[in-house]
Amino acid sequence: MSASIPLSDADWARIASLFRFDEARRYGKTPRHPREILNAILWVSTHQKAWTYLPPDMPPARTCYIKCLQWRRDGTLRQVEALLGLRIDFR
């Protein structure tokens, strides 16, 4: 099953607790909300396109790619797959 992009409010409510988001940063660019990044990850997985082809209204490709690697490594994406009943696949 593939996820709808962007995630519905109901789907996000089921997985939001898996993500940490702190808007108050002391330095750097304004952080992107995890929901935006996850939508971009799902877009890449669904369309099987390279990160550089992300639509312009999505967060930067590098940001999404790095978060994807982090979330894969720490098991967050596996939990998202289990809770939403989908498969996040990169070929």
N, C-alpha and C. Protein backbone atom coordinates (compact mmCIF):
# COMPACT_ATOMS: atom_id res chain seq x y z
N MET A 1 0.85 -1.18 0.00
CA MET A 1 0.00 0.00 0.00
C MET A 1 0.89 1.24 0.00
N SER A 2 0.52 2.23 -0.76
CA SER A 2 1.30 3.46 -0.77
C SER A 2 0.54 4.54 0.01
N ALA A 3 1.29 5.45 0.55
CA ALA A 3 0.69 6.53 1.33
C ALA A 3 0.23 7.64 0.40
N SER A 4 -0.81 8.34 0.83
CA SER A 4 -1.20 9.52 0.07
C SER A 4 -0.23 10.64 0.43
N ILE A 5 0.07 11.45 -0.55
CA ILE A 5 1.01 12.55 -0.32
C ILE A 5 0.27 13.84 -0.63
N PRO A 6 0.21 14.78 0.25
CA PRO A 6 0.78 14.73 1.59
C PRO A 6 -0.01 13.84 2.53
N LEU A 7 0.61 13.50 3.65
CA LEU A 7 -0.06 12.67 4.64
C LEU A 7 -1.33 13.36 5.13
N SER A 8 -2.35 12.57 5.34
CA SER A 8 -3.59 13.13 5.89
C SER A 8 -3.36 13.48 7.37
N ASP A 9 -4.22 14.33 7.89
CA ASP A 9 -4.13 14.69 9.31
C ASP A 9 -4.28 13.46 10.19
N ALA A 10 -5.15 12.54 9.79
CA ALA A 10 -5.37 11.32 10.58
C ALA A 10 -4.11 10.45 10.59
N ASP A 11 -3.48 10.29 9.43
CA ASP A 11 -2.24 9.50 9.38
C ASP A 11 -1.14 10.16 10.19
N TRP A 12 -1.01 11.48 10.07
CA TRP A 12 0.02 12.17 10.83
C TRP A 12 -0.22 12.03 12.33
N ALA A 13 -1.47 12.10 12.76
CA ALA A 13 -1.79 11.95 14.19
C ALA A 13 -1.34 10.59 14.72
N ARG A 14 -1.39 9.57 13.88
CA ARG A 14 -0.99 8.22 14.30
C ARG A 14 0.52 8.08 14.49
N ILE A 15 1.31 8.90 13.79
CA ILE A 15 2.76 8.73 13.84
C ILE A 15 3.52 9.93 14.41
N ALA A 16 2.85 11.01 14.69
CA ALA A 16 3.52 12.25 15.11
C ALA A 16 4.41 12.05 16.33
N SER A 17 4.02 11.19 17.23
CA SER A 17 4.81 10.98 18.45
C SER A 17 6.18 10.36 18.18
N LEU A 18 6.40 9.83 16.98
CA LEU A 18 7.69 9.24 16.63
C LEU A 18 8.75 10.30 16.34
N PHE A 19 8.30 11.53 16.12
CA PHE A 19 9.20 12.58 15.66
C PHE A 19 9.36 13.68 16.69
N ARG A 20 10.57 14.18 16.77
CA ARG A 20 10.87 15.29 17.67
C ARG A 20 11.04 16.55 16.82
N PHE A 21 10.42 17.63 17.26
CA PHE A 21 10.55 18.89 16.52
C PHE A 21 10.70 20.04 17.50
N ASP A 22 11.79 20.77 17.36
CA ASP A 22 12.06 21.91 18.22
C ASP A 22 12.21 23.14 17.33
N GLU A 23 11.23 24.02 17.39
CA GLU A 23 11.27 25.23 16.56
C GLU A 23 12.31 26.23 17.03
N ALA A 24 12.63 26.21 18.31
CA ALA A 24 13.57 27.19 18.86
C ALA A 24 15.01 26.68 18.71
N ARG A 25 15.69 27.22 17.72
CA ARG A 25 17.10 26.88 17.52
C ARG A 25 17.94 28.13 17.71
N ARG A 26 19.13 27.93 18.16
CA ARG A 26 20.00 29.07 18.42
C ARG A 26 20.77 29.52 17.19
N TYR A 27 20.90 28.66 16.22
CA TYR A 27 21.72 28.99 15.05
C TYR A 27 21.18 28.25 13.83
N GLY A 28 21.68 28.63 12.67
CA GLY A 28 21.32 27.92 11.44
C GLY A 28 19.99 28.36 10.87
N LYS A 29 19.60 27.64 9.85
CA LYS A 29 18.34 27.93 9.17
C LYS A 29 17.16 27.45 10.01
N THR A 30 16.00 27.98 9.72
CA THR A 30 14.79 27.55 10.39
C THR A 30 14.57 26.07 10.09
N PRO A 31 14.36 25.26 11.13
CA PRO A 31 14.20 23.83 10.89
C PRO A 31 12.91 23.51 10.14
N ARG A 32 12.94 22.45 9.38
CA ARG A 32 11.75 21.98 8.67
C ARG A 32 10.98 21.02 9.56
N HIS A 33 9.68 21.09 9.48
CA HIS A 33 8.83 20.21 10.28
C HIS A 33 8.98 18.78 9.77
N PRO A 34 9.04 17.81 10.68
CA PRO A 34 9.18 16.41 10.26
C PRO A 34 8.10 15.94 9.29
N ARG A 35 6.91 16.49 9.41
CA ARG A 35 5.84 16.09 8.49
C ARG A 35 6.18 16.48 7.06
N GLU A 36 6.76 17.67 6.87
CA GLU A 36 7.18 18.10 5.53
C GLU A 36 8.25 17.17 4.97
N ILE A 37 9.20 16.82 5.82
CA ILE A 37 10.30 15.95 5.39
C ILE A 37 9.77 14.56 5.06
N LEU A 38 8.89 14.04 5.91
CA LEU A 38 8.32 12.72 5.64
C LEU A 38 7.51 12.72 4.35
N ASN A 39 6.77 13.78 4.09
CA ASN A 39 6.04 13.88 2.82
C ASN A 39 6.99 13.80 1.64
N ALA A 40 8.14 14.45 1.75
CA ALA A 40 9.13 14.40 0.67
C ALA A 40 9.71 12.99 0.52
N ILE A 41 9.99 12.33 1.64
CA ILE A 41 10.50 10.96 1.60
C ILE A 41 9.48 10.05 0.92
N LEU A 42 8.22 10.20 1.27
CA LEU A 42 7.17 9.38 0.66
C LEU A 42 7.03 9.69 -0.83
N TRP A 43 7.22 10.96 -1.20
CA TRP A 43 7.16 11.33 -2.62
C TRP A 43 8.26 10.60 -3.40
N VAL A 44 9.48 10.63 -2.89
CA VAL A 44 10.60 9.96 -3.56
C VAL A 44 10.35 8.46 -3.64
N SER A 45 9.85 7.87 -2.56
CA SER A 45 9.57 6.44 -2.54
C SER A 45 8.46 6.07 -3.52
N THR A 46 7.40 6.85 -3.54
CA THR A 46 6.26 6.57 -4.41
C THR A 46 6.59 6.75 -5.88
N HIS A 47 7.30 7.82 -6.20
CA HIS A 47 7.60 8.14 -7.60
C HIS A 47 8.89 7.49 -8.10
N GLN A 48 9.67 6.92 -7.18
CA GLN A 48 10.95 6.29 -7.55
C GLN A 48 11.82 7.24 -8.37
N LYS A 49 11.93 8.45 -7.88
CA LYS A 49 12.75 9.49 -8.52
C LYS A 49 13.92 9.83 -7.61
N ALA A 50 14.92 10.47 -8.18
CA ALA A 50 16.07 10.93 -7.39
C ALA A 50 15.65 12.11 -6.51
N TRP A 51 16.37 12.30 -5.42
CA TRP A 51 16.06 13.39 -4.49
C TRP A 51 16.07 14.74 -5.19
N THR A 52 16.91 14.91 -6.18
CA THR A 52 17.02 16.20 -6.87
C THR A 52 15.76 16.56 -7.65
N TYR A 53 14.86 15.61 -7.84
CA TYR A 53 13.61 15.86 -8.57
C TYR A 53 12.45 16.23 -7.65
N LEU A 54 12.71 16.42 -6.37
CA LEU A 54 11.63 16.83 -5.48
C LEU A 54 10.98 18.11 -5.99
N PRO A 55 9.66 18.21 -5.90
CA PRO A 55 8.98 19.44 -6.32
C PRO A 55 9.49 20.64 -5.51
N PRO A 56 9.45 21.82 -6.08
CA PRO A 56 10.00 23.00 -5.41
C PRO A 56 9.30 23.40 -4.12
N ASP A 57 8.07 22.93 -3.90
CA ASP A 57 7.36 23.29 -2.67
C ASP A 57 7.74 22.38 -1.50
N MET A 58 8.64 21.44 -1.72
CA MET A 58 9.08 20.54 -0.66
C MET A 58 10.41 21.03 -0.08
N PRO A 59 10.78 20.53 1.10
CA PRO A 59 12.06 20.93 1.70
C PRO A 59 13.23 20.58 0.78
N PRO A 60 14.40 21.16 1.04
CA PRO A 60 15.57 20.86 0.21
C PRO A 60 15.89 19.36 0.17
N ALA A 61 16.32 18.91 -0.99
CA ALA A 61 16.62 17.49 -1.19
C ALA A 61 17.66 16.98 -0.19
N ARG A 62 18.70 17.76 0.04
CA ARG A 62 19.76 17.33 0.96
C ARG A 62 19.21 17.13 2.37
N THR A 63 18.39 18.05 2.83
CA THR A 63 17.77 17.94 4.15
C THR A 63 16.96 16.66 4.26
N CYS A 64 16.14 16.39 3.25
CA CYS A 64 15.28 15.21 3.26
C CYS A 64 16.10 13.93 3.20
N TYR A 65 17.13 13.92 2.38
CA TYR A 65 17.99 12.74 2.24
C TYR A 65 18.69 12.42 3.56
N ILE A 66 19.24 13.43 4.20
CA ILE A 66 19.94 13.21 5.48
C ILE A 66 18.98 12.70 6.54
N LYS A 67 17.79 13.30 6.63
CA LYS A 67 16.79 12.84 7.61
C LYS A 67 16.35 11.41 7.29
N CYS A 68 16.21 11.10 6.01
CA CYS A 68 15.83 9.75 5.61
C CYS A 68 16.87 8.75 6.11
N LEU A 69 18.14 9.06 5.92
CA LEU A 69 19.20 8.18 6.40
C LEU A 69 19.14 8.02 7.92
N GLN A 70 18.95 9.12 8.63
CA GLN A 70 18.86 9.07 10.09
C GLN A 70 17.68 8.23 10.54
N TRP A 71 16.52 8.46 9.93
CA TRP A 71 15.32 7.74 10.34
C TRP A 71 15.36 6.27 9.95
N ARG A 72 16.05 5.95 8.87
CA ARG A 72 16.23 4.54 8.51
C ARG A 72 17.14 3.86 9.54
N ARG A 73 18.22 4.55 9.89
CA ARG A 73 19.19 3.99 10.82
C ARG A 73 18.59 3.78 12.21
N ASP A 74 17.80 4.73 12.69
CA ASP A 74 17.27 4.61 14.05
C ASP A 74 15.93 3.86 14.13
N GLY A 75 15.42 3.39 12.99
CA GLY A 75 14.21 2.57 12.99
C GLY A 75 12.90 3.34 12.88
N THR A 76 12.97 4.65 12.78
CA THR A 76 11.75 5.46 12.71
C THR A 76 10.93 5.11 11.47
N LEU A 77 11.57 4.96 10.33
CA LEU A 77 10.81 4.66 9.11
C LEU A 77 10.14 3.29 9.18
N ARG A 78 10.78 2.34 9.84
CA ARG A 78 10.13 1.02 10.02
C ARG A 78 8.87 1.15 10.87
N GLN A 79 8.93 2.00 11.90
CA GLN A 79 7.75 2.21 12.73
C GLN A 79 6.64 2.91 11.94
N VAL A 80 7.01 3.86 11.10
CA VAL A 80 6.03 4.54 10.25
C VAL A 80 5.36 3.51 9.33
N GLU A 81 6.17 2.65 8.72
CA GLU A 81 5.62 1.61 7.84
C GLU A 81 4.63 0.73 8.59
N ALA A 82 4.99 0.32 9.80
CA ALA A 82 4.13 -0.57 10.58
C ALA A 82 2.83 0.12 10.99
N LEU A 83 2.92 1.35 11.45
CA LEU A 83 1.73 2.06 11.92
C LEU A 83 0.78 2.45 10.80
N LEU A 84 1.33 2.76 9.63
CA LEU A 84 0.49 3.19 8.51
C LEU A 84 0.21 2.07 7.52
N GLY A 85 0.83 0.92 7.71
CA GLY A 85 0.60 -0.21 6.81
C GLY A 85 1.08 0.05 5.40
N LEU A 86 2.26 0.64 5.28
CA LEU A 86 2.81 0.91 3.95
C LEU A 86 4.26 0.48 3.88
N ARG A 87 4.81 0.56 2.68
CA ARG A 87 6.22 0.22 2.47
C ARG A 87 6.93 1.42 1.86
N ILE A 88 7.99 1.84 2.53
CA ILE A 88 8.81 2.93 2.03
C ILE A 88 10.01 2.27 1.37
N ASP A 89 10.07 2.37 0.04
CA ASP A 89 11.05 1.62 -0.73
C ASP A 89 11.83 2.55 -1.65
N PHE A 90 13.14 2.36 -1.67
CA PHE A 90 14.01 3.13 -2.57
C PHE A 90 14.77 2.14 -3.42
N ARG A 91 14.57 2.19 -4.73
CA ARG A 91 15.23 1.24 -5.63
C ARG A 91 16.40 1.87 -6.30
